[in-house]
Protein backbone atom coordinates (compact mmCIF):
# COMPACT_ATOMS: atom_id res chain seq x y z
CA UNK A 1 -8.76 -1.00 42.48
CA UNK A 2 -7.35 -2.99 39.62
CA UNK A 3 -10.04 -1.86 37.38
CA UNK A 4 -9.23 1.68 38.14
CA UNK A 5 -5.57 0.98 36.97
CA UNK A 6 -6.34 -0.97 34.09
CA UNK A 7 -8.44 1.89 32.92
CA UNK A 8 -6.02 4.81 33.44
CA UNK A 9 -2.86 3.12 32.23
CA UNK A 10 -1.67 4.73 29.16
CA UNK A 11 -4.48 7.19 28.94
CA UNK A 12 -2.16 10.25 30.43
CA UNK A 13 -4.73 10.86 33.25
CA UNK A 14 -4.35 10.71 37.04
CA UNK A 15 -6.63 9.84 39.76
CA UNK A 16 -7.29 12.90 41.67
CA UNK A 17 -9.74 11.80 44.33
CA UNK A 18 -11.70 8.95 45.27
CA UNK A 19 -14.94 9.14 47.14
CA UNK A 20 -15.52 7.93 50.52
CA UNK A 21 -18.34 6.80 52.71
CA UNK A 22 -21.73 8.59 52.88
CA UNK A 23 -22.78 6.13 55.79
CA UNK A 24 -20.29 8.14 58.68
CA UNK A 25 -23.33 9.91 60.22
CA UNK A 26 -25.86 6.83 59.90
CA UNK A 27 -27.48 6.45 63.25
CA UNK A 28 -27.20 2.74 63.18
CA UNK A 29 -23.76 2.01 65.07
CA UNK A 30 -23.05 -1.04 62.94
CA UNK A 31 -23.68 0.85 59.37
CA UNK A 32 -21.14 3.60 60.78
CA UNK A 33 -18.65 1.16 61.63
CA UNK A 34 -18.75 0.05 58.18
CA UNK A 35 -18.49 3.53 56.63
CA UNK A 36 -15.57 4.10 58.71
CA UNK A 37 -13.90 0.87 57.55
CA UNK A 38 -14.75 1.83 53.69
CA UNK A 39 -13.10 5.18 54.18
CA UNK A 40 -10.03 3.36 55.46
CA UNK A 41 -9.90 1.29 52.74
CA UNK A 42 -10.57 4.20 50.29
CA UNK A 43 -7.75 6.06 51.96
CA UNK A 44 -5.60 3.17 51.15
CA UNK A 45 -6.71 3.33 47.74
CA UNK A 46 -6.15 7.03 47.11
CA UNK A 47 -2.62 6.42 48.47
CA UNK A 48 -2.13 3.70 46.13
CA UNK A 49 -3.33 5.39 43.16
CA UNK A 50 -1.55 8.69 43.91
CA UNK A 51 -4.76 10.69 44.38
CA UNK A 52 -4.56 13.74 46.53
CA UNK A 53 -7.78 13.22 48.43
CA UNK A 54 -10.73 11.38 49.65
CA UNK A 55 -14.18 13.06 49.24
CA UNK A 56 -16.53 12.95 51.66
CA UNK A 57 -20.08 13.67 50.40
CA UNK A 58 -22.18 15.89 52.46
CA UNK A 59 -25.68 14.64 53.63
CA UNK A 60 -28.50 16.89 53.46
CA UNK A 61 -31.63 17.24 55.34
CA UNK A 62 -32.64 17.19 58.71
CA UNK A 63 -30.30 15.26 61.01
CA UNK A 64 -31.23 11.86 62.29
CA UNK A 65 -29.52 11.98 65.75
CA UNK A 66 -31.42 12.79 68.81
CA UNK A 67 -30.46 15.77 70.56
CA UNK A 68 -29.25 15.57 73.68
CA UNK A 69 -30.07 18.35 76.71
CA UNK A 70 -27.64 19.06 79.74
CA UNK A 71 -30.43 16.83 81.83
CA UNK A 72 -29.49 13.78 79.85
CA UNK A 73 -25.64 14.16 80.14
CA UNK A 74 -26.17 14.74 84.00
CA UNK A 75 -28.21 11.42 84.02
CA UNK A 76 -31.66 13.48 84.90
């Protein structure tokens, strides 16, 4: 964050958005948890820098999550 502040000081520009994590849809629980923590840090950074939002980049392509059927949920 300090690097961003140094670059914009006196430039007459404002930070409009910060990019969040692309790991929120990862199938690995640890990687997802890291993505959530990164988003928490980025939300704090956006607030501190006066940004309006955190951008979540969409992930394209087929889903990596296994689909569950009604039988899976019923233990069958």
